[in-house]
Amino acid sequence: MKRVLQATVLAGCLPMAAIADEIPRFDVETQCEMVASIGGDFSNVTYNGCIQMEQAAYNRLKTEWASIPAGVRRQCEEVATVTGSGSYSTLGGCIDMETQAADNRQSFSFD
């Protein structure tokens, strides 16, 4: 019985591990429609620019996603979805800042 329970728990965890290595799927069109509607009237220029920016960010992130530490991925995914739909540009910016901060940790001084 104990082995069956362990196998069931392990099997349940495996798909989540595989999914965690995949870049999240955001509703980019909805995000860009929201951005393009800020200020009242819908702007096709803003919408198209948003789609291009999000596509470039997604293309960059999908090649490096698996190499980004899981904690950074989780934290930045939360930041990127704060508006609801999600933004790959925000996700990429967050990851860049977290990576730079980790490479340049500050220290406190009593001087």
PDB file of N, CA and C in Angstrom:
ATOM      1  N   MET A   1       0.821  -1.199   0.000  1.00  0.00           N
ATOM      2  CA  MET A   1       0.000   0.000   0.000  1.00  0.00           C
ATOM      3  C   MET A   1       0.863   1.260   0.000  1.00  0.00           C
ATOM      4  N   LYS A   2       1.929   1.227   0.793  1.00  0.00           N
ATOM      5  CA  LYS A   2       2.807   2.384   0.882  1.00  0.00           C
ATOM      6  C   LYS A   2       3.463   2.677  -0.465  1.00  0.00           C
ATOM      7  N   ARG A   3       3.884   1.621  -1.184  1.00  0.00           N
ATOM      8  CA  ARG A   3       4.513   1.812  -2.494  1.00  0.00           C
ATOM      9  C   ARG A   3       3.524   2.360  -3.517  1.00  0.00           C
ATOM     10  N   VAL A   4       2.292   1.917  -3.448  1.00  0.00           N
ATOM     11  CA  VAL A   4       1.267   2.419  -4.364  1.00  0.00           C
ATOM     12  C   VAL A   4       1.049   3.909  -4.125  1.00  0.00           C
ATOM     13  N   LEU A   5       0.985   4.315  -2.868  1.00  0.00           N
ATOM     14  CA  LEU A   5       0.814   5.718  -2.517  1.00  0.00           C
ATOM     15  C   LEU A   5       2.006   6.543  -3.000  1.00  0.00           C
ATOM     16  N   GLN A   6       3.221   6.040  -2.787  1.00  0.00           N
ATOM     17  CA  GLN A   6       4.419   6.750  -3.246  1.00  0.00           C
ATOM     18  C   GLN A   6       4.408   6.894  -4.757  1.00  0.00           C
ATOM     19  N   ALA A   7       4.062   5.828  -5.468  1.00  0.00           N
ATOM     20  CA  ALA A   7       4.024   5.874  -6.927  1.00  0.00           C
ATOM     21  C   ALA A   7       2.975   6.861  -7.416  1.00  0.00           C
ATOM     22  N   THR A   8       1.832   6.900  -6.746  1.00  0.00           N
ATOM     23  CA  THR A   8       0.774   7.827  -7.121  1.00  0.00           C
ATOM     24  C   THR A   8       1.214   9.266  -6.903  1.00  0.00           C
ATOM     25  N   VAL A   9       1.835   9.535  -5.786  1.00  0.00           N
ATOM     26  CA  VAL A   9       2.330  10.883  -5.496  1.00  0.00           C
ATOM     27  C   VAL A   9       3.392  11.279  -6.503  1.00  0.00           C
ATOM     28  N   LEU A  10       4.319  10.380  -6.787  1.00  0.00           N
ATOM     29  CA  LEU A  10       5.381  10.656  -7.754  1.00  0.00           C
ATOM     30  C   LEU A  10       4.802  10.907  -9.136  1.00  0.00           C
ATOM     31  N   ALA A  11       3.860  10.099  -9.558  1.00  0.00           N
ATOM     32  CA  ALA A  11       3.251  10.271 -10.876  1.00  0.00           C
ATOM     33  C   ALA A  11       2.529  11.604 -10.968  1.00  0.00           C
ATOM     34  N   GLY A  12       1.919  12.023  -9.874  1.00  0.00           N
ATOM     35  CA  GLY A  12       1.240  13.314  -9.858  1.00  0.00           C
ATOM     36  C   GLY A  12       2.188  14.482  -9.936  1.00  0.00           C
ATOM     37  N   CYS A  13       3.405  14.309  -9.472  1.00  0.00           N
ATOM     38  CA  CYS A  13       4.393  15.391  -9.477  1.00  0.00           C
ATOM     39  C   CYS A  13       5.109  15.515 -10.810  1.00  0.00           C
ATOM     40  N   LEU A  14       5.258  14.438 -11.526  1.00  0.00           N
ATOM     41  CA  LEU A  14       6.020  14.465 -12.767  1.00  0.00           C
ATOM     42  C   LEU A  14       5.444  15.410 -13.814  1.00  0.00           C
ATOM     43  N   PRO A  15       4.144  15.380 -14.086  1.00  0.00           N
ATOM     44  CA  PRO A  15       3.625  16.315 -15.076  1.00  0.00           C
ATOM     45  C   PRO A  15       3.836  17.767 -14.674  1.00  0.00           C
ATOM     46  N   MET A  16       3.727  18.084 -13.387  1.00  0.00           N
ATOM     47  CA  MET A  16       3.939  19.458 -12.939  1.00  0.00           C
ATOM     48  C   MET A  16       5.374  19.892 -13.190  1.00  0.00           C
ATOM     49  N   ALA A  17       6.337  18.992 -12.974  1.00  0.00           N
ATOM     50  CA  ALA A  17       7.737  19.325 -13.234  1.00  0.00           C
ATOM     51  C   ALA A  17       7.940  19.613 -14.708  1.00  0.00           C
ATOM     52  N   ALA A  18       7.314  18.809 -15.563  1.00  0.00           N
ATOM     53  CA  ALA A  18       7.451  19.023 -16.997  1.00  0.00           C
ATOM     54  C   ALA A  18       6.791  20.337 -17.408  1.00  0.00           C
ATOM     55  N   ILE A  19       5.619  20.626 -16.842  1.00  0.00           N
ATOM     56  CA  ILE A  19       4.915  21.863 -17.171  1.00  0.00           C
ATOM     57  C   ILE A  19       5.710  23.075 -16.691  1.00  0.00           C
ATOM     58  N   ALA A  20       6.356  22.982 -15.539  1.00  0.00           N
ATOM     59  CA  ALA A  20       7.108  24.104 -14.994  1.00  0.00           C
ATOM     60  C   ALA A  20       8.255  24.513 -15.907  1.00  0.00           C
ATOM     61  N   ASP A  21       8.751  23.572 -16.711  1.00  0.00           N
ATOM     62  CA  ASP A  21       9.841  23.892 -17.628  1.00  0.00           C
ATOM     63  C   ASP A  21       9.357  24.538 -18.918  1.00  0.00           C
ATOM     64  N   GLU A  22       8.041  24.622 -19.098  1.00  0.00           N
ATOM     65  CA  GLU A  22       7.479  25.254 -20.286  1.00  0.00           C
ATOM     66  C   GLU A  22       7.118  26.697 -19.975  1.00  0.00           C
ATOM     67  N   ILE A  23       7.395  27.567 -20.901  1.00  0.00           N
ATOM     68  CA  ILE A  23       7.069  28.980 -20.729  1.00  0.00           C
ATOM     69  C   ILE A  23       5.547  29.121 -20.593  1.00  0.00           C
ATOM     70  N   PRO A  24       5.084  29.991 -19.702  1.00  0.00           N
ATOM     71  CA  PRO A  24       3.637  30.138 -19.527  1.00  0.00           C
ATOM     72  C   PRO A  24       2.972  30.681 -20.792  1.00  0.00           C
ATOM     73  N   ARG A  25       1.699  30.380 -20.920  1.00  0.00           N
ATOM     74  CA  ARG A  25       0.914  30.870 -22.067  1.00  0.00           C
ATOM     75  C   ARG A  25       0.068  32.042 -21.586  1.00  0.00           C
ATOM     76  N   PHE A  26       0.369  33.230 -22.093  1.00  0.00           N
ATOM     77  CA  PHE A  26      -0.378  34.420 -21.747  1.00  0.00           C
ATOM     78  C   PHE A  26      -1.352  34.754 -22.882  1.00  0.00           C
ATOM     79  N   ASP A  27      -2.426  35.443 -22.550  1.00  0.00           N
ATOM     80  CA  ASP A  27      -3.396  35.906 -23.543  1.00  0.00           C
ATOM     81  C   ASP A  27      -2.926  37.276 -24.042  1.00  0.00           C
ATOM     82  N   VAL A  28      -1.994  37.231 -24.978  1.00  0.00           N
ATOM     83  CA  VAL A  28      -1.330  38.445 -25.457  1.00  0.00           C
ATOM     84  C   VAL A  28      -2.301  39.376 -26.166  1.00  0.00           C
ATOM     85  N   GLU A  29      -3.207  38.825 -26.968  1.00  0.00           N
ATOM     86  CA  GLU A  29      -4.149  39.685 -27.683  1.00  0.00           C
ATOM     87  C   GLU A  29      -5.006  40.503 -26.711  1.00  0.00           C
ATOM     88  N   THR A  30      -5.492  39.865 -25.656  1.00  0.00           N
ATOM     89  CA  THR A  30      -6.294  40.584 -24.663  1.00  0.00           C
ATOM     90  C   THR A  30      -5.449  41.649 -23.971  1.00  0.00           C
ATOM     91  N   GLN A  31      -4.228  41.303 -23.624  1.00  0.00           N
ATOM     92  CA  GLN A  31      -3.324  42.264 -22.985  1.00  0.00           C
ATOM     93  C   GLN A  31      -3.099  43.467 -23.895  1.00  0.00           C
ATOM     94  N   CYS A  32      -2.814  43.209 -25.158  1.00  0.00           N
ATOM     95  CA  CYS A  32      -2.537  44.310 -26.085  1.00  0.00           C
ATOM     96  C   CYS A  32      -3.787  45.125 -26.400  1.00  0.00           C
ATOM     97  N   GLU A  33      -4.952  44.485 -26.418  1.00  0.00           N
ATOM     98  CA  GLU A  33      -6.198  45.240 -26.593  1.00  0.00           C
ATOM     99  C   GLU A  33      -6.415  46.187 -25.424  1.00  0.00           C
ATOM    100  N   MET A  34      -6.110  45.716 -24.215  1.00  0.00           N
ATOM    101  CA  MET A  34      -6.245  46.560 -23.033  1.00  0.00           C
ATOM    102  C   MET A  34      -5.288  47.756 -23.126  1.00  0.00           C
ATOM    103  N   VAL A  35      -4.053  47.485 -23.500  1.00  0.00           N
ATOM    104  CA  VAL A  35      -3.050  48.549 -23.618  1.00  0.00           C
ATOM    105  C   VAL A  35      -3.458  49.540 -24.711  1.00  0.00           C
ATOM    106  N   ALA A  36      -3.933  49.019 -25.840  1.00  0.00           N
ATOM    107  CA  ALA A  36      -4.300  49.878 -26.969  1.00  0.00           C
ATOM    108  C   ALA A  36      -5.555  50.706 -26.698  1.00  0.00           C
ATOM    109  N   SER A  37      -6.300  50.341 -25.660  1.00  0.00           N
ATOM    110  CA  SER A  37      -7.526  51.072 -25.334  1.00  0.00           C
ATOM    111  C   SER A  37      -7.343  52.083 -24.209  1.00  0.00           C
ATOM    112  N   ILE A  38      -6.141  52.140 -23.655  1.00  0.00           N
ATOM    113  CA  ILE A  38      -5.885  53.127 -22.602  1.00  0.00           C
ATOM    114  C   ILE A  38      -6.039  54.518 -23.204  1.00  0.00           C
ATOM    115  N   GLY A  39      -6.788  55.347 -22.568  1.00  0.00           N
ATOM    116  CA  GLY A  39      -7.028  56.691 -23.069  1.00  0.00           C
ATOM    117  C   GLY A  39      -8.360  56.803 -23.798  1.00  0.00           C
ATOM    118  N   GLY A  40      -9.104  55.703 -23.853  1.00  0.00           N
ATOM    119  CA  GLY A  40     -10.441  55.775 -24.443  1.00  0.00           C
ATOM    120  C   GLY A  40     -10.552  55.103 -25.791  1.00  0.00           C
ATOM    121  N   ASP A  41     -10.045  55.736 -26.832  1.00  0.00           N
ATOM    122  CA  ASP A  41     -10.167  55.182 -28.176  1.00  0.00           C
ATOM    123  C   ASP A  41      -9.121  54.102 -28.411  1.00  0.00           C
ATOM    124  N   PHE A  42      -9.495  53.090 -29.189  1.00  0.00           N
ATOM    125  CA  PHE A  42      -8.592  51.995 -29.525  1.00  0.00           C
ATOM    126  C   PHE A  42      -7.568  52.477 -30.548  1.00  0.00           C
ATOM    127  N   SER A  43      -6.297  52.134 -30.327  1.00  0.00           N
ATOM    128  CA  SER A  43      -5.215  52.521 -31.245  1.00  0.00           C
ATOM    129  C   SER A  43      -4.626  51.276 -31.895  1.00  0.00           C
ATOM    130  N   ASN A  44      -4.783  51.180 -33.214  1.00  0.00           N
ATOM    131  CA  ASN A  44      -4.198  50.062 -33.946  1.00  0.00           C
ATOM    132  C   ASN A  44      -2.678  50.125 -33.944  1.00  0.00           C
ATOM    133  N   VAL A  45      -2.124  51.305 -33.950  1.00  0.00           N
ATOM    134  CA  VAL A  45      -0.671  51.457 -33.903  1.00  0.00           C
ATOM    135  C   VAL A  45      -0.133  50.895 -32.590  1.00  0.00           C
ATOM    136  N   THR A  46      -0.781  51.256 -31.496  1.00  0.00           N
ATOM    137  CA  THR A  46      -0.362  50.754 -30.187  1.00  0.00           C
ATOM    138  C   THR A  46      -0.559  49.255 -30.099  1.00  0.00           C
ATOM    139  N   TYR A  47      -1.681  48.755 -30.608  1.00  0.00           N
ATOM    140  CA  TYR A  47      -1.948  47.315 -30.579  1.00  0.00           C
ATOM    141  C   TYR A  47      -0.872  46.551 -31.351  1.00  0.00           C
ATOM    142  N   ASN A  48      -0.598  46.965 -32.572  1.00  0.00           N
ATOM    143  CA  ASN A  48       0.401  46.272 -33.389  1.00  0.00           C
ATOM    144  C   ASN A  48       1.789  46.347 -32.765  1.00  0.00           C
ATOM    145  N   GLY A  49       2.140  47.492 -32.212  1.00  0.00           N
ATOM    146  CA  GLY A  49       3.430  47.628 -31.534  1.00  0.00           C
ATOM    147  C   GLY A  49       3.517  46.729 -30.318  1.00  0.00           C
ATOM    148  N   CYS A  50       2.418  46.625 -29.592  1.00  0.00           N
ATOM    149  CA  CYS A  50       2.371  45.756 -28.421  1.00  0.00           C
ATOM    150  C   CYS A  50       2.556  44.295 -28.831  1.00  0.00           C
ATOM    151  N   ILE A  51       1.852  43.857 -29.867  1.00  0.00           N
ATOM    152  CA  ILE A  51       1.972  42.481 -30.354  1.00  0.00           C
ATOM    153  C   ILE A  51       3.413  42.197 -30.771  1.00  0.00           C
ATOM    154  N   GLN A  52       4.033  43.119 -31.490  1.00  0.00           N
ATOM    155  CA  GLN A  52       5.422  42.924 -31.924  1.00  0.00           C
ATOM    156  C   GLN A  52       6.369  42.832 -30.735  1.00  0.00           C
ATOM    157  N   MET A  53       6.170  43.694 -29.762  1.00  0.00           N
ATOM    158  CA  MET A  53       7.021  43.700 -28.572  1.00  0.00           C
ATOM    159  C   MET A  53       6.845  42.409 -27.772  1.00  0.00           C
ATOM    160  N   GLU A  54       5.608  41.975 -27.601  1.00  0.00           N
ATOM    161  CA  GLU A  54       5.334  40.743 -26.869  1.00  0.00           C
ATOM    162  C   GLU A  54       5.893  39.527 -27.607  1.00  0.00           C
ATOM    163  N   GLN A  55       5.787  39.518 -28.941  1.00  0.00           N
ATOM    164  CA  GLN A  55       6.311  38.392 -29.724  1.00  0.00           C
ATOM    165  C   GLN A  55       7.823  38.303 -29.595  1.00  0.00           C
ATOM    166  N   ALA A  56       8.500  39.445 -29.669  1.00  0.00           N
ATOM    167  CA  ALA A  56       9.969  39.459 -29.527  1.00  0.00           C
ATOM    168  C   ALA A  56      10.384  38.968 -28.137  1.00  0.00           C
ATOM    169  N   ALA A  57       9.662  39.408 -27.111  1.00  0.00           N
ATOM    170  CA  ALA A  57       9.983  38.983 -25.749  1.00  0.00           C
ATOM    171  C   ALA A  57       9.735  37.486 -25.585  1.00  0.00           C
ATOM    172  N   TYR A  58       8.627  36.987 -26.126  1.00  0.00           N
ATOM    173  CA  TYR A  58       8.321  35.561 -26.047  1.00  0.00           C
ATOM    174  C   TYR A  58       9.394  34.743 -26.764  1.00  0.00           C
ATOM    175  N   ASN A  59       9.762  35.157 -27.965  1.00  0.00           N
ATOM    176  CA  ASN A  59      10.765  34.418 -28.734  1.00  0.00           C
ATOM    177  C   ASN A  59      12.091  34.321 -27.987  1.00  0.00           C
ATOM    178  N   ARG A  60      12.475  35.398 -27.310  1.00  0.00           N
ATOM    179  CA  ARG A  60      13.716  35.383 -26.526  1.00  0.00           C
ATOM    180  C   ARG A  60      13.580  34.453 -25.322  1.00  0.00           C
ATOM    181  N   LEU A  61      12.472  34.575 -24.607  1.00  0.00           N
ATOM    182  CA  LEU A  61      12.285  33.805 -23.378  1.00  0.00           C
ATOM    183  C   LEU A  61      12.141  32.304 -23.624  1.00  0.00           C
ATOM    184  N   LYS A  62      11.498  31.920 -24.716  1.00  0.00           N
ATOM    185  CA  LYS A  62      11.254  30.493 -24.930  1.00  0.00           C
ATOM    186  C   LYS A  62      12.558  29.718 -25.121  1.00  0.00           C
ATOM    187  N   THR A  63      13.602  30.383 -25.589  1.00  0.00           N
ATOM    188  CA  THR A  63      14.882  29.685 -25.781  1.00  0.00           C
ATOM    189  C   THR A  63      15.668  29.535 -24.487  1.00  0.00           C
ATOM    190  N   GLU A  64      15.394  30.384 -23.506  1.00  0.00           N
ATOM    191  CA  GLU A  64      16.168  30.351 -22.259  1.00  0.00           C
ATOM    192  C   GLU A  64      15.355  29.955 -21.034  1.00  0.00           C
ATOM    193  N   TRP A  65      14.062  29.709 -21.183  1.00  0.00           N
ATOM    194  CA  TRP A  65      13.159  29.484 -20.060  1.00  0.00           C
ATOM    195  C   TRP A  65      13.637  28.388 -19.109  1.00  0.00           C
ATOM    196  N   ALA A  66      14.028  27.249 -19.659  1.00  0.00           N
ATOM    197  CA  ALA A  66      14.412  26.106 -18.817  1.00  0.00           C
ATOM    198  C   ALA A  66      15.664  26.392 -17.990  1.00  0.00           C
ATOM    199  N   SER A  67      16.486  27.334 -18.409  1.00  0.00           N
ATOM    200  CA  SER A  67      17.724  27.638 -17.682  1.00  0.00           C
ATOM    201  C   SER A  67      17.533  28.706 -16.602  1.00  0.00           C
ATOM    202  N   ILE A  68      16.371  29.312 -16.538  1.00  0.00           N
ATOM    203  CA  ILE A  68      16.084  30.337 -15.533  1.00  0.00           C
ATOM    204  C   ILE A  68      15.703  29.636 -14.237  1.00  0.00           C
ATOM    205  N   PRO A  69      16.284  30.033 -13.106  1.00  0.00           N
ATOM    206  CA  PRO A  69      15.941  29.384 -11.826  1.00  0.00           C
ATOM    207  C   PRO A  69      14.440  29.407 -11.570  1.00  0.00           C
ATOM    208  N   ALA A  70      13.928  28.295 -11.048  1.00  0.00           N
ATOM    209  CA  ALA A  70      12.486  28.134 -10.823  1.00  0.00           C
ATOM    210  C   ALA A  70      11.899  29.242  -9.952  1.00  0.00           C
ATOM    211  N   GLY A  71      12.623  29.660  -8.920  1.00  0.00           N
ATOM    212  CA  GLY A  71      12.125  30.722  -8.048  1.00  0.00           C
ATOM    213  C   GLY A  71      11.956  32.036  -8.784  1.00  0.00           C
ATOM    214  N   VAL A  72      12.879  32.347  -9.666  1.00  0.00           N
ATOM    215  CA  VAL A  72      12.790  33.572 -10.468  1.00  0.00           C
ATOM    216  C   VAL A  72      11.623  33.459 -11.438  1.00  0.00           C
ATOM    217  N   ARG A  73      11.465  32.288 -12.053  1.00  0.00           N
ATOM    218  CA  ARG A  73      10.342  32.086 -12.984  1.00  0.00           C
ATOM    219  C   ARG A  73       9.010  32.299 -12.270  1.00  0.00           C
ATOM    220  N   ARG A  74       8.847  31.700 -11.080  1.00  0.00           N
ATOM    221  CA  ARG A  74       7.587  31.839 -10.338  1.00  0.00           C
ATOM    222  C   ARG A  74       7.325  33.290  -9.947  1.00  0.00           C
ATOM    223  N   GLN A  75       8.331  33.929  -9.370  1.00  0.00           N
ATOM    224  CA  GLN A  75       8.185  35.323  -8.929  1.00  0.00           C
ATOM    225  C   GLN A  75       7.833  36.230 -10.103  1.00  0.00           C
ATOM    226  N   CYS A  76       8.549  36.080 -11.179  1.00  0.00           N
ATOM    227  CA  CYS A  76       8.347  36.969 -12.325  1.00  0.00           C
ATOM    228  C   CYS A  76       7.043  36.672 -13.064  1.00  0.00           C
ATOM    229  N   GLU A  77       6.595  35.430 -13.034  1.00  0.00           N
ATOM    230  CA  GLU A  77       5.302  35.121 -13.639  1.00  0.00           C
ATOM    231  C   GLU A  77       4.187  35.811 -12.858  1.00  0.00           C
ATOM    232  N   GLU A  78       4.322  35.867 -11.541  1.00  0.00           N
ATOM    233  CA  GLU A  78       3.347  36.596 -10.718  1.00  0.00           C
ATOM    234  C   GLU A  78       3.340  38.079 -11.099  1.00  0.00           C
ATOM    235  N   VAL A  79       4.518  38.655 -11.252  1.00  0.00           N
ATOM    236  CA  VAL A  79       4.623  40.069 -11.626  1.00  0.00           C
ATOM    237  C   VAL A  79       4.018  40.288 -13.011  1.00  0.00           C
ATOM    238  N   ALA A  80       4.310  39.392 -13.951  1.00  0.00           N
ATOM    239  CA  ALA A  80       3.863  39.552 -15.334  1.00  0.00           C
ATOM    240  C   ALA A  80       2.360  39.403 -15.506  1.00  0.00           C
ATOM    241  N   THR A  81       1.703  38.760 -14.561  1.00  0.00           N
ATOM    242  CA  THR A  81       0.257  38.549 -14.681  1.00  0.00           C
ATOM    243  C   THR A  81      -0.542  39.423 -13.722  1.00  0.00           C
ATOM    244  N   VAL A  82       0.071  40.421 -13.146  1.00  0.00           N
ATOM    245  CA  VAL A  82      -0.618  41.279 -12.183  1.00  0.00           C
ATOM    246  C   VAL A  82      -1.807  42.001 -12.821  1.00  0.00           C
ATOM    247  N   THR A  83      -1.752  42.259 -14.112  1.00  0.00           N
ATOM    248  CA  THR A  83      -2.874  42.917 -14.800  1.00  0.00           C
ATOM    249  C   THR A  83      -3.907  41.914 -15.293  1.00  0.00           C
ATOM    250  N   GLY A  84      -3.630  40.640 -15.138  1.00  0.00           N
ATOM    251  CA  GLY A  84      -4.589  39.617 -15.528  1.00  0.00           C
ATOM    252  C   GLY A  84      -4.140  38.767 -16.697  1.00  0.00           C
ATOM    253  N   SER A  85      -3.974  39.354 -17.858  1.00  0.00           N
ATOM    254  CA  SER A  85      -3.702  38.592 -19.073  1.00  0.00           C
ATOM    255  C   SER A  85      -2.265  38.095 -19.181  1.00  0.00           C
ATOM    256  N   GLY A  86      -1.342  38.846 -18.670  1.00  0.00           N
ATOM    257  CA  GLY A  86       0.072  38.481 -18.725  1.00  0.00           C
ATOM    258  C   GLY A  86       0.814  39.184 -19.843  1.00  0.00           C
ATOM    259  N   SER A  87       2.073  39.468 -19.568  1.00  0.00           N
ATOM    260  CA  SER A  87       2.914  40.175 -20.521  1.00  0.00           C
ATOM    261  C   SER A  87       4.293  39.542 -20.549  1.00  0.00           C
ATOM    262  N   TYR A  88       4.714  39.102 -21.747  1.00  0.00           N
ATOM    263  CA  TYR A  88       6.054  38.531 -21.897  1.00  0.00           C
ATOM    264  C   TYR A  88       7.127  39.612 -21.768  1.00  0.00           C
ATOM    265  N   SER A  89       6.806  40.831 -22.148  1.00  0.00           N
ATOM    266  CA  SER A  89       7.762  41.933 -21.979  1.00  0.00           C
ATOM    267  C   SER A  89       8.026  42.183 -20.498  1.00  0.00           C
ATOM    268  N   THR A  90       6.973  42.201 -19.706  1.00  0.00           N
ATOM    269  CA  THR A  90       7.119  42.379 -18.266  1.00  0.00           C
ATOM    270  C   THR A  90       7.845  41.191 -17.660  1.00  0.00           C
ATOM    271  N   LEU A  91       7.499  39.991 -18.102  1.00  0.00           N
ATOM    272  CA  LEU A  91       8.160  38.781 -17.622  1.00  0.00           C
ATOM    273  C   LEU A  91       9.659  38.835 -17.909  1.00  0.00           C
ATOM    274  N   GLY A  92      10.019  39.196 -19.124  1.00  0.00           N
ATOM    275  CA  GLY A  92      11.433  39.286 -19.498  1.00  0.00           C
ATOM    276  C   GLY A  92      12.173  40.356 -18.721  1.00  0.00           C
ATOM    277  N   GLY A  93      11.532  41.504 -18.537  1.00  0.00           N
ATOM    278  CA  GLY A  93      12.155  42.579 -17.768  1.00  0.00           C
ATOM    279  C   GLY A  93      12.389  42.174 -16.325  1.00  0.00           C
ATOM    280  N   CYS A  94      11.417  41.514 -15.739  1.00  0.00           N
ATOM    281  CA  CYS A  94      11.545  41.037 -14.361  1.00  0.00           C
ATOM    282  C   CYS A  94      12.692  40.039 -14.245  1.00  0.00           C
ATOM    283  N   ILE A  95      12.753  39.093 -15.166  1.00  0.00           N
ATOM    284  CA  ILE A  95      13.821  38.092 -15.149  1.00  0.00           C
ATOM    285  C   ILE A  95      15.182  38.755 -15.296  1.00  0.00           C
ATOM    286  N   ASP A  96      15.283  39.714 -16.204  1.00  0.00           N
ATOM    287  CA  ASP A  96      16.550  40.435 -16.391  1.00  0.00           C
ATOM    288  C   ASP A  96      16.976  41.142 -15.107  1.00  0.00           C
ATOM    289  N   MET A  97      16.034  41.833 -14.466  1.00  0.00           N
ATOM    290  CA  MET A  97      16.363  42.567 -13.236  1.00  0.00           C
ATOM    291  C   MET A  97      16.727  41.618 -12.100  1.00  0.00           C
ATOM    292  N   GLU A  98      16.002  40.519 -11.969  1.00  0.00           N
ATOM    293  CA  GLU A  98      16.315  39.537 -10.921  1.00  0.00           C
ATOM    294  C   GLU A  98      17.699  38.931 -11.141  1.00  0.00           C
ATOM    295  N   THR A  99      18.015  38.626 -12.386  1.00  0.00           N
ATOM    296  CA  THR A  99      19.314  38.040 -12.711  1.00  0.00           C
ATOM    297  C   THR A  99      20.443  39.032 -12.415  1.00  0.00           C
ATOM    298  N   GLN A 100      20.253  40.281 -12.804  1.00  0.00           N
ATOM    299  CA  GLN A 100      21.265  41.311 -12.539  1.00  0.00           C
ATOM    300  C   GLN A 100      21.427  41.540 -11.045  1.00  0.00           C
ATOM    301  N   ALA A 101      20.327  41.544 -10.311  1.00  0.00           N
ATOM    302  CA  ALA A 101      20.401  41.756  -8.863  1.00  0.00           C
ATOM    303  C   ALA A 101      21.112  40.594  -8.181  1.00  0.00           C
ATOM    304  N   ALA A 102      20.887  39.380  -8.662  1.00  0.00           N
ATOM    305  CA  ALA A 102      21.556  38.214  -8.079  1.00  0.00           C
ATOM    306  C   ALA A 102      23.062  38.264  -8.336  1.00  0.00           C
ATOM    307  N   ASP A 103      23.453  38.837  -9.470  1.00  0.00           N
ATOM    308  CA  ASP A 103      24.872  38.953  -9.803  1.00  0.00           C
ATOM    309  C   ASP A 103      25.549  40.120  -9.091  1.00  0.00           C
ATOM    310  N   ASN A 104      24.749  41.002  -8.477  1.00  0.00           N
ATOM    311  CA  ASN A 104      25.284  42.202  -7.840  1.00  0.00           C
ATOM    312  C   ASN A 104      24.605  42.422  -6.491  1.00  0.00           C
ATOM    313  N   ARG A 105      24.669  41.405  -5.639  1.00  0.00           N
ATOM    314  CA  ARG A 105      24.014  41.525  -4.323  1.00  0.00           C
ATOM    315  C   ARG A 105      24.689  42.594  -3.492  1.00  0.00           C
ATOM    316  N   GLN A 106      23.866  43.375  -2.843  1.00  0.00           N
ATOM    317  CA  GLN A 106      24.345  44.468  -2.014  1.00  0.00           C
ATOM    318  C   GLN A 106      24.670  43.961  -0.611  1.00  0.00           C
ATOM    319  N   SER A 107      25.511  44.685   0.080  1.00  0.00           N
ATOM    320  CA  SER A 107      25.799  44.345   1.466  1.00  0.00           C
ATOM    321  C   SER A 107      25.568  45.584   2.335  1.00  0.00           C
ATOM    322  N   PHE A 108      25.273  45.331   3.575  1.00  0.00           N
ATOM    323  CA  PHE A 108      24.996  46.398   4.531  1.00  0.00           C
ATOM    324  C   PHE A 108      26.270  46.745   5.282  1.00  0.00           C
ATOM    325  N   SER A 109      26.426  48.019   5.591  1.00  0.00           N
ATOM    326  CA  SER A 109      27.603  48.453   6.340  1.00  0.00           C
ATOM    327  C   SER A 109      27.178  49.371   7.468  1.00  0.00           C
ATOM    328  N   PHE A 110      27.814  49.222   8.633  1.00  0.00           N
ATOM    329  CA  PHE A 110      27.540  50.104   9.785  1.00  0.00           C
ATOM    330  C   PHE A 110      28.482  51.318   9.803  1.00  0.00           C
ATOM    331  N   ASP A 111      29.268  51.496   8.766  1.00  0.00           N
ATOM    332  CA  ASP A 111      30.212  52.633   8.721  1.00  0.00           C
ATOM    333  C   ASP A 111      29.512  53.934   8.533  1.00  0.00           C
TER     334      ASP A 111
END
